[in-house]
Amino acid sequence: MDHRRITEQIIGCAYTVYNKMGFGFLESVYENCILIELAKANLEAKAQMPVAVFYEGHTVGEFAADLFVENTVIIELKSVRRVVRAHEVQLVNYLTATDTEVGLLLNFAEQKVEVKRKTRTLSEEVDF
């Protein structure tokens, strides 16, 4: 399955969750809701997947990716009024650490779901 099709399905799931839940919940609530929608869409998703960060062959840290879908797309979830550059950089760092090509930053904001698509090696980004 190609990245575009997977990301379109993920975004559709995010809109479904937002339309039902609205704004104001913790990220963990949105994570649990979107896991249900991803399963209904027959997309395999792992939540809070631990990932080691390496420097010169040494483990120097660890983080947990919010969601890893179909072993190809990392999703970083937010529930903030406004996405800032640090959120985007965080996702790109996750992509680099995992050697994953595509990620989505999904923000369940006050007025709508904000979507930023990031890639590890290209400067491509699409705002929805």
Protein backbone atom coordinates (compact mmCIF):
# COMPACT_ATOMS: atom_id res chain seq x y z
CA MET A 1 0.00 0.00 0.00
CA ASP A 2 1.45 3.37 -0.95
CA HIS A 3 2.00 6.26 1.47
CA ARG A 4 -0.58 8.55 -0.11
CA ARG A 5 -3.39 6.03 0.20
CA ILE A 6 -2.49 5.17 3.78
CA THR A 7 -2.20 8.84 4.81
CA GLU A 8 -5.55 9.64 3.16
CA GLN A 9 -7.20 6.84 5.14
CA ILE A 10 -5.55 8.02 8.37
CA ILE A 11 -6.71 11.59 7.76
CA GLY A 12 -10.23 10.34 7.12
CA CYS A 13 -10.14 8.50 10.45
CA ALA A 14 -8.93 11.68 12.19
CA TYR A 15 -11.84 13.68 10.74
CA THR A 16 -14.29 11.00 11.86
CA VAL A 17 -12.91 11.20 15.40
CA TYR A 18 -13.00 15.01 15.40
CA ASN A 19 -16.56 15.11 14.10
CA LYS A 20 -17.65 12.83 16.95
CA MET A 21 -15.44 14.12 19.78
CA GLY A 22 -14.66 17.77 18.99
CA PHE A 23 -11.90 19.72 20.73
CA GLY A 24 -10.66 19.66 24.29
CA PHE A 25 -9.69 16.12 25.22
CA LEU A 26 -6.24 14.87 26.15
CA GLU A 27 -4.11 13.41 23.37
CA SER A 28 -4.51 9.95 24.91
CA VAL A 29 -8.29 10.13 24.34
CA TYR A 30 -7.81 11.01 20.68
CA GLU A 31 -5.20 8.25 20.39
CA ASN A 32 -7.65 5.65 21.67
CA CYS A 33 -10.42 6.94 19.41
CA ILE A 34 -8.28 6.97 16.29
CA LEU A 35 -7.04 3.43 17.08
CA ILE A 36 -10.68 2.30 16.91
CA GLU A 37 -11.21 4.09 13.58
CA LEU A 38 -7.96 2.72 12.12
CA ALA A 39 -9.02 -0.81 13.06
CA LYS A 40 -12.40 -0.24 11.39
CA ALA A 41 -10.48 0.86 8.26
CA ASN A 42 -8.44 -2.38 8.43
CA LEU A 43 -5.20 -0.50 9.07
CA GLU A 44 -2.70 -2.07 11.46
CA ALA A 45 -1.61 0.42 14.11
CA LYS A 46 0.74 0.21 17.07
CA ALA A 47 0.35 2.74 19.88
CA GLN A 48 3.20 4.18 21.95
CA MET A 49 5.80 2.18 20.04
CA PRO A 50 9.19 2.46 21.78
CA VAL A 51 12.02 3.61 19.54
CA ALA A 52 15.70 3.84 20.47
CA VAL A 53 17.76 6.83 19.36
CA PHE A 54 21.37 6.20 18.40
CA TYR A 55 24.45 8.38 18.20
CA GLU A 56 27.65 6.94 16.78
CA GLY A 57 26.44 3.44 17.44
CA HIS A 58 25.38 4.12 21.03
CA THR A 59 21.85 4.25 22.39
CA VAL A 60 21.43 7.79 23.69
CA GLY A 61 17.73 7.93 24.33
CA GLU A 62 14.34 6.50 23.66
CA PHE A 63 10.96 7.89 22.71
CA ALA A 64 7.51 6.51 22.08
CA ALA A 65 5.90 7.19 18.71
CA ASP A 66 2.21 7.95 19.30
CA LEU A 67 1.10 5.68 16.45
CA PHE A 68 2.85 3.62 13.80
CA VAL A 69 0.45 2.63 11.02
CA GLU A 70 1.01 -0.23 8.58
CA ASN A 71 4.70 -0.16 9.56
CA THR A 72 5.11 2.80 7.20
CA VAL A 73 3.61 6.00 8.68
CA ILE A 74 4.36 7.60 12.04
CA ILE A 75 1.61 9.72 13.53
CA GLU A 76 2.28 12.39 16.12
CA LEU A 77 -0.94 13.46 17.85
CA LYS A 78 -1.53 16.85 19.41
CA SER A 79 -4.47 18.59 21.05
CA VAL A 80 -3.27 22.18 21.17
CA ARG A 81 -4.61 25.53 20.01
CA ARG A 82 -1.80 25.92 17.50
CA VAL A 83 0.91 23.69 16.11
CA VAL A 84 4.37 25.20 16.48
CA ARG A 85 7.56 24.44 14.59
CA ALA A 86 8.89 22.33 17.49
CA HIS A 87 6.04 19.84 16.96
CA GLU A 88 6.99 19.49 13.30
CA VAL A 89 10.70 19.10 14.11
CA GLN A 90 9.81 16.43 16.67
CA LEU A 91 8.04 14.39 13.99
CA VAL A 92 10.91 14.73 11.51
CA ASN A 93 13.33 13.59 14.24
CA TYR A 94 11.12 10.54 14.83
CA LEU A 95 11.17 9.79 11.11
CA THR A 96 14.95 10.08 11.03
CA ALA A 97 15.45 7.92 14.13
CA THR A 98 13.24 5.14 12.75
CA ASP A 99 14.31 5.44 9.10
CA THR A 100 10.61 5.94 8.28
CA GLU A 101 9.83 7.99 5.20
CA VAL A 102 6.43 9.59 5.97
CA GLY A 103 4.74 11.00 9.04
CA LEU A 104 1.58 12.89 9.90
CA LEU A 105 1.19 15.52 12.58
CA LEU A 106 -2.49 15.49 13.54
CA ASN A 107 -3.70 18.28 15.78
CA PHE A 108 -7.21 18.09 17.18
CA ALA A 109 -7.52 21.89 17.37
CA GLU A 110 -10.39 24.15 18.40
CA GLN A 111 -11.92 24.61 14.95
CA LYS A 112 -10.76 21.58 12.96
CA VAL A 113 -8.25 18.80 12.57
CA GLU A 114 -4.96 20.28 11.41
CA VAL A 115 -2.82 17.96 9.32
CA LYS A 116 0.83 18.33 8.40
CA ARG A 117 2.50 15.69 6.27
CA LYS A 118 6.24 15.40 6.74
CA THR A 119 8.87 13.32 5.00
CA ARG A 120 12.29 12.31 6.20
CA THR A 121 14.28 12.91 3.03
CA LEU A 122 12.23 15.34 0.99
CA SER A 123 11.13 18.87 1.80
CA GLU A 124 7.60 17.96 0.73
CA GLU A 125 4.88 19.03 3.11
CA VAL A 126 1.18 19.26 2.54
CA ASP A 127 -1.23 21.21 4.73
CA PHE A 128 -4.86 20.10 4.72
